[in-house]
């Protein structure tokens, strides 16, 4: 994740695109929030994984 900047995730995408694709959380995109919202959370997630890797911790994710 450290090698992938957040800009890659949102390149060519608008909040309207995300709302139309039903990307969670839809309410954020329907309000027209800026894509910087993604960047803030992406940075936090990248840090979480970096620290887990550094400490040798496993990360389990459940998406349903």
PDB file of N, CA and C in Angstrom:
ATOM      1  N   UNK A   1       0.820  -1.195   0.000  1.00  0.00           N
ATOM      2  CA  UNK A   1       0.000   0.000   0.000  1.00  0.00           C
ATOM      3  C   UNK A   1       0.859   1.251   0.000  1.00  0.00           C
ATOM      4  N   UNK A   2       2.012   1.171   0.618  1.00  0.00           N
ATOM      5  CA  UNK A   2       2.869   2.352   0.700  1.00  0.00           C
ATOM      6  C   UNK A   2       3.313   2.813  -0.683  1.00  0.00           C
ATOM      7  N   UNK A   3       3.391   1.888  -1.620  1.00  0.00           N
ATOM      8  CA  UNK A   3       3.822   2.230  -2.969  1.00  0.00           C
ATOM      9  C   UNK A   3       2.681   2.749  -3.844  1.00  0.00           C
ATOM     10  N   UNK A   4       1.466   2.695  -3.328  1.00  0.00           N
ATOM     11  CA  UNK A   4       0.302   3.127  -4.100  1.00  0.00           C
ATOM     12  C   UNK A   4      -0.307   4.371  -3.472  1.00  0.00           C
ATOM     13  N   UNK A   5      -0.117   5.518  -4.098  1.00  0.00           N
ATOM     14  CA  UNK A   5      -0.716   6.740  -3.535  1.00  0.00           C
ATOM     15  C   UNK A   5      -2.242   6.722  -3.685  1.00  0.00           C
ATOM     16  N   UNK A   6      -2.906   7.444  -2.802  1.00  0.00           N
ATOM     17  CA  UNK A   6      -4.373   7.462  -2.832  1.00  0.00           C
ATOM     18  C   UNK A   6      -4.913   8.009  -4.149  1.00  0.00           C
ATOM     19  N   UNK A   7      -4.127   8.830  -4.823  1.00  0.00           N
ATOM     20  CA  UNK A   7      -4.597   9.424  -6.078  1.00  0.00           C
ATOM     21  C   UNK A   7      -4.890   8.367  -7.134  1.00  0.00           C
ATOM     22  N   UNK A   8      -4.204   7.238  -7.064  1.00  0.00           N
ATOM     23  CA  UNK A   8      -4.447   6.146  -8.004  1.00  0.00           C
ATOM     24  C   UNK A   8      -5.851   5.584  -7.818  1.00  0.00           C
ATOM     25  N   UNK A   9      -6.327   5.570  -6.586  1.00  0.00           N
ATOM     26  CA  UNK A   9      -7.648   5.018  -6.294  1.00  0.00           C
ATOM     27  C   UNK A   9      -8.779   5.866  -6.842  1.00  0.00           C
ATOM     28  N   UNK A  10      -8.576   7.151  -6.966  1.00  0.00           N
ATOM     29  CA  UNK A  10      -9.654   8.050  -7.360  1.00  0.00           C
ATOM     30  C   UNK A  10      -9.441   8.693  -8.728  1.00  0.00           C
ATOM     31  N   UNK A  11      -8.395   8.307  -9.407  1.00  0.00           N
ATOM     32  CA  UNK A  11      -8.097   8.894 -10.710  1.00  0.00           C
ATOM     33  C   UNK A  11      -9.234   8.622 -11.693  1.00  0.00           C
ATOM     34  N   UNK A  12      -9.811   9.680 -12.224  1.00  0.00           N
ATOM     35  CA  UNK A  12     -10.867   9.559 -13.217  1.00  0.00           C
ATOM     36  C   UNK A  12     -12.227   9.199 -12.654  1.00  0.00           C
ATOM     37  N   UNK A  13     -12.378   9.281 -11.329  1.00  0.00           N
ATOM     38  CA  UNK A  13     -13.638   8.923 -10.680  1.00  0.00           C
ATOM     39  C   UNK A  13     -14.221  10.163 -10.005  1.00  0.00           C
ATOM     40  N   UNK A  14     -15.529  10.273 -10.045  1.00  0.00           N
ATOM     41  CA  UNK A  14     -16.206  11.381  -9.362  1.00  0.00           C
ATOM     42  C   UNK A  14     -17.086  10.817  -8.247  1.00  0.00           C
ATOM     43  N   UNK A  15     -17.483  11.658  -7.303  1.00  0.00           N
ATOM     44  CA  UNK A  15     -18.424  11.192  -6.282  1.00  0.00           C
ATOM     45  C   UNK A  15     -19.716  10.634  -6.907  1.00  0.00           C
ATOM     46  N   UNK A  16     -20.149  11.218  -8.013  1.00  0.00           N
ATOM     47  CA  UNK A  16     -21.354  10.746  -8.696  1.00  0.00           C
ATOM     48  C   UNK A  16     -21.153   9.325  -9.239  1.00  0.00           C
ATOM     49  N   UNK A  17     -19.948   9.032  -9.745  1.00  0.00           N
ATOM     50  CA  UNK A  17     -19.638   7.679 -10.222  1.00  0.00           C
ATOM     51  C   UNK A  17     -19.750   6.670  -9.081  1.00  0.00           C
ATOM     52  N   UNK A  18     -19.211   7.033  -7.940  1.00  0.00           N
ATOM     53  CA  UNK A  18     -19.227   6.130  -6.789  1.00  0.00           C
ATOM     54  C   UNK A  18     -20.647   5.905  -6.280  1.00  0.00           C
ATOM     55  N   UNK A  19     -21.459   6.958  -6.265  1.00  0.00           N
ATOM     56  CA  UNK A  19     -22.857   6.824  -5.838  1.00  0.00           C
ATOM     57  C   UNK A  19     -23.614   5.922  -6.814  1.00  0.00           C
ATOM     58  N   UNK A  20     -23.397   6.118  -8.103  1.00  0.00           N
ATOM     59  CA  UNK A  20     -24.090   5.307  -9.118  1.00  0.00           C
ATOM     60  C   UNK A  20     -23.675   3.840  -9.034  1.00  0.00           C
ATOM     61  N   UNK A  21     -22.429   3.586  -8.638  1.00  0.00           N
ATOM     62  CA  UNK A  21     -21.933   2.211  -8.515  1.00  0.00           C
ATOM     63  C   UNK A  21     -22.275   1.597  -7.165  1.00  0.00           C
ATOM     64  N   UNK A  22     -22.957   2.354  -6.315  1.00  0.00           N
ATOM     65  CA  UNK A  22     -23.371   1.884  -4.991  1.00  0.00           C
ATOM     66  C   UNK A  22     -22.169   1.518  -4.116  1.00  0.00           C
ATOM     67  N   UNK A  23     -21.117   2.343  -4.215  1.00  0.00           N
ATOM     68  CA  UNK A  23     -19.912   2.127  -3.412  1.00  0.00           C
ATOM     69  C   UNK A  23     -20.159   2.674  -2.009  1.00  0.00           C
ATOM     70  N   UNK A  24     -19.912   1.827  -1.018  1.00  0.00           N
ATOM     71  CA  UNK A  24     -20.119   2.209   0.381  1.00  0.00           C
ATOM     72  C   UNK A  24     -19.115   3.275   0.787  1.00  0.00           C
ATOM     73  N   UNK A  25     -19.498   4.259   1.533  1.00  0.00           N
ATOM     74  CA  UNK A  25     -20.827   4.624   1.990  1.00  0.00           C
ATOM     75  C   UNK A  25     -21.499   5.562   0.980  1.00  0.00           C
ATOM     76  N   UNK A  26     -22.549   5.091   0.386  1.00  0.00           N
ATOM     77  CA  UNK A  26     -23.227   5.814  -0.688  1.00  0.00           C
ATOM     78  C   UNK A  26     -23.634   7.225  -0.266  1.00  0.00           C
ATOM     79  N   UNK A  27     -24.085   7.386   0.967  1.00  0.00           N
ATOM     80  CA  UNK A  27     -24.553   8.697   1.423  1.00  0.00           C
ATOM     81  C   UNK A  27     -23.456   9.763   1.288  1.00  0.00           C
ATOM     82  N   UNK A  28     -22.214   9.371   1.473  1.00  0.00           N
ATOM     83  CA  UNK A  28     -21.098  10.321   1.339  1.00  0.00           C
ATOM     84  C   UNK A  28     -21.014  10.823  -0.095  1.00  0.00           C
ATOM     85  N   UNK A  29     -21.146   9.916  -1.046  1.00  0.00           N
ATOM     86  CA  UNK A  29     -21.024  10.294  -2.459  1.00  0.00           C
ATOM     87  C   UNK A  29     -22.260  11.035  -2.948  1.00  0.00           C
ATOM     88  N   UNK A  30     -23.422  10.662  -2.422  1.00  0.00           N
ATOM     89  CA  UNK A  30     -24.646  11.365  -2.804  1.00  0.00           C
ATOM     90  C   UNK A  30     -24.611  12.821  -2.343  1.00  0.00           C
ATOM     91  N   UNK A  31     -23.929  13.067  -1.227  1.00  0.00           N
ATOM     92  CA  UNK A  31     -23.778  14.453  -0.739  1.00  0.00           C
ATOM     93  C   UNK A  31     -22.738  15.210  -1.551  1.00  0.00           C
ATOM     94  N   UNK A  32     -21.966  14.484  -2.372  1.00  0.00           N
ATOM     95  CA  UNK A  32     -20.945  15.133  -3.187  1.00  0.00           C
ATOM     96  C   UNK A  32     -19.671  15.437  -2.416  1.00  0.00           C
ATOM     97  N   UNK A  33     -19.413  14.654  -1.367  1.00  0.00           N
ATOM     98  CA  UNK A  33     -18.185  14.868  -0.591  1.00  0.00           C
ATOM     99  C   UNK A  33     -16.972  14.757  -1.515  1.00  0.00           C
ATOM    100  N   UNK A  34     -15.945  15.520  -1.248  1.00  0.00           N
ATOM    101  CA  UNK A  34     -14.744  15.439  -2.089  1.00  0.00           C
ATOM    102  C   UNK A  34     -14.047  14.094  -1.918  1.00  0.00           C
ATOM    103  N   UNK A  35     -13.330  13.692  -2.939  1.00  0.00           N
ATOM    104  CA  UNK A  35     -12.633  12.410  -2.897  1.00  0.00           C
ATOM    105  C   UNK A  35     -11.479  12.413  -1.904  1.00  0.00           C
ATOM    106  N   UNK A  36     -11.146  13.560  -1.362  1.00  0.00           N
ATOM    107  CA  UNK A  36     -10.134  13.630  -0.308  1.00  0.00           C
ATOM    108  C   UNK A  36     -10.575  12.801   0.898  1.00  0.00           C
ATOM    109  N   UNK A  37     -11.878  12.610   1.034  1.00  0.00           N
ATOM    110  CA  UNK A  37     -12.419  11.761   2.104  1.00  0.00           C
ATOM    111  C   UNK A  37     -11.783  10.377   2.020  1.00  0.00           C
ATOM    112  N   UNK A  38     -11.644   9.851   0.801  1.00  0.00           N
ATOM    113  CA  UNK A  38     -11.006   8.547   0.587  1.00  0.00           C
ATOM    114  C   UNK A  38      -9.550   8.598   1.016  1.00  0.00           C
ATOM    115  N   UNK A  39      -8.873   9.675   0.656  1.00  0.00           N
ATOM    116  CA  UNK A  39      -7.447   9.806   0.952  1.00  0.00           C
ATOM    117  C   UNK A  39      -7.184   9.743   2.448  1.00  0.00           C
ATOM    118  N   UNK A  40      -7.987  10.415   3.226  1.00  0.00           N
ATOM    119  CA  UNK A  40      -7.806  10.413   4.677  1.00  0.00           C
ATOM    120  C   UNK A  40      -7.908   8.996   5.246  1.00  0.00           C
ATOM    121  N   UNK A  41      -8.909   8.267   4.825  1.00  0.00           N
ATOM    122  CA  UNK A  41      -9.105   6.910   5.321  1.00  0.00           C
ATOM    123  C   UNK A  41      -8.047   5.958   4.763  1.00  0.00           C
ATOM    124  N   UNK A  42      -7.644   6.167   3.528  1.00  0.00           N
ATOM    125  CA  UNK A  42      -6.612   5.322   2.927  1.00  0.00           C
ATOM    126  C   UNK A  42      -5.289   5.470   3.685  1.00  0.00           C
ATOM    127  N   UNK A  43      -4.935   6.687   4.034  1.00  0.00           N
ATOM    128  CA  UNK A  43      -3.694   6.913   4.784  1.00  0.00           C
ATOM    129  C   UNK A  43      -3.746   6.202   6.139  1.00  0.00           C
ATOM    130  N   UNK A  44      -4.877   6.274   6.801  1.00  0.00           N
ATOM    131  CA  UNK A  44      -5.029   5.598   8.093  1.00  0.00           C
ATOM    132  C   UNK A  44      -4.941   4.073   7.932  1.00  0.00           C
ATOM    133  N   UNK A  45      -5.565   3.555   6.875  1.00  0.00           N
ATOM    134  CA  UNK A  45      -5.531   2.120   6.630  1.00  0.00           C
ATOM    135  C   UNK A  45      -4.110   1.660   6.296  1.00  0.00           C
ATOM    136  N   UNK A  46      -3.411   2.422   5.477  1.00  0.00           N
ATOM    137  CA  UNK A  46      -2.031   2.084   5.123  1.00  0.00           C
ATOM    138  C   UNK A  46      -1.157   2.060   6.373  1.00  0.00           C
ATOM    139  N   UNK A  47      -1.345   3.023   7.257  1.00  0.00           N
ATOM    140  CA  UNK A  47      -0.577   3.053   8.504  1.00  0.00           C
ATOM    141  C   UNK A  47      -0.890   1.827   9.360  1.00  0.00           C
ATOM    142  N   UNK A  48      -2.158   1.474   9.443  1.00  0.00           N
ATOM    143  CA  UNK A  48      -2.571   0.305  10.217  1.00  0.00           C
ATOM    144  C   UNK A  48      -1.851  -0.958   9.719  1.00  0.00           C
ATOM    145  N   UNK A  49      -1.858  -1.176   8.404  1.00  0.00           N
ATOM    146  CA  UNK A  49      -1.190  -2.347   7.835  1.00  0.00           C
ATOM    147  C   UNK A  49       0.323  -2.280   8.016  1.00  0.00           C
ATOM    148  N   UNK A  50       0.893  -1.094   7.880  1.00  0.00           N
ATOM    149  CA  UNK A  50       2.340  -0.929   8.055  1.00  0.00           C
ATOM    150  C   UNK A  50       2.761  -1.309   9.475  1.00  0.00           C
ATOM    151  N   UNK A  51       2.021  -0.824  10.464  1.00  0.00           N
ATOM    152  CA  UNK A  51       2.343  -1.123  11.862  1.00  0.00           C
ATOM    153  C   UNK A  51       2.127  -2.615  12.158  1.00  0.00           C
ATOM    154  N   UNK A  52       1.064  -3.188  11.618  1.00  0.00           N
ATOM    155  CA  UNK A  52       0.813  -4.615  11.824  1.00  0.00           C
ATOM    156  C   UNK A  52       1.953  -5.443  11.228  1.00  0.00           C
ATOM    157  N   UNK A  53       2.390  -5.081  10.045  1.00  0.00           N
ATOM    158  CA  UNK A  53       3.496  -5.807   9.405  1.00  0.00           C
ATOM    159  C   UNK A  53       4.785  -5.641  10.207  1.00  0.00           C
ATOM    160  N   UNK A  54       5.041  -4.439  10.644  1.00  0.00           N
ATOM    161  CA  UNK A  54       6.246  -4.173  11.442  1.00  0.00           C
ATOM    162  C   UNK A  54       6.276  -5.013  12.707  1.00  0.00           C
ATOM    163  N   UNK A  55       5.112  -5.134  13.339  1.00  0.00           N
ATOM    164  CA  UNK A  55       5.028  -5.860  14.610  1.00  0.00           C
ATOM    165  C   UNK A  55       4.783  -7.354  14.437  1.00  0.00           C
ATOM    166  N   UNK A  56       4.675  -7.806  13.185  1.00  0.00           N
ATOM    167  CA  UNK A  56       4.452  -9.228  12.936  1.00  0.00           C
ATOM    168  C   UNK A  56       3.049  -9.691  13.266  1.00  0.00           C
ATOM    169  N   UNK A  57       2.102  -8.771  13.266  1.00  0.00           N
ATOM    170  CA  UNK A  57       0.716  -9.101  13.586  1.00  0.00           C
ATOM    171  C   UNK A  57      -0.054  -9.489  12.323  1.00  0.00           C
ATOM    172  N   UNK A  58      -0.976 -10.422  12.486  1.00  0.00           N
ATOM    173  CA  UNK A  58      -1.851 -10.800  11.397  1.00  0.00           C
ATOM    174  C   UNK A  58      -3.022  -9.819  11.329  1.00  0.00           C
ATOM    175  N   UNK A  59      -3.575  -9.661  10.133  1.00  0.00           N
ATOM    176  CA  UNK A  59      -4.763  -8.820   9.956  1.00  0.00           C
ATOM    177  C   UNK A  59      -5.829  -9.687   9.292  1.00  0.00           C
ATOM    178  N   UNK A  60      -6.970  -9.748   9.940  1.00  0.00           N
ATOM    179  CA  UNK A  60      -8.092 -10.544   9.415  1.00  0.00           C
ATOM    180  C   UNK A  60      -9.200  -9.572   9.051  1.00  0.00           C
ATOM    181  N   UNK A  61      -9.698  -9.695   7.834  1.00  0.00           N
ATOM    182  CA  UNK A  61     -10.785  -8.819   7.381  1.00  0.00           C
ATOM    183  C   UNK A  61     -11.951  -9.673   6.915  1.00  0.00           C
ATOM    184  N   UNK A  62     -13.126  -9.273   7.317  1.00  0.00           N
ATOM    185  CA  UNK A  62     -14.348  -9.969   6.905  1.00  0.00           C
ATOM    186  C   UNK A  62     -15.220  -8.963   6.164  1.00  0.00           C
ATOM    187  N   UNK A  63     -15.485  -9.265   4.910  1.00  0.00           N
ATOM    188  CA  UNK A  63     -16.335  -8.386   4.107  1.00  0.00           C
ATOM    189  C   UNK A  63     -17.506  -9.211   3.635  1.00  0.00           C
ATOM    190  N   UNK A  64     -18.685  -8.775   4.003  1.00  0.00           N
ATOM    191  CA  UNK A  64     -19.861  -9.525   3.558  1.00  0.00           C
ATOM    192  C   UNK A  64     -20.927  -8.588   3.056  1.00  0.00           C
TER     193      UNK A  64
END
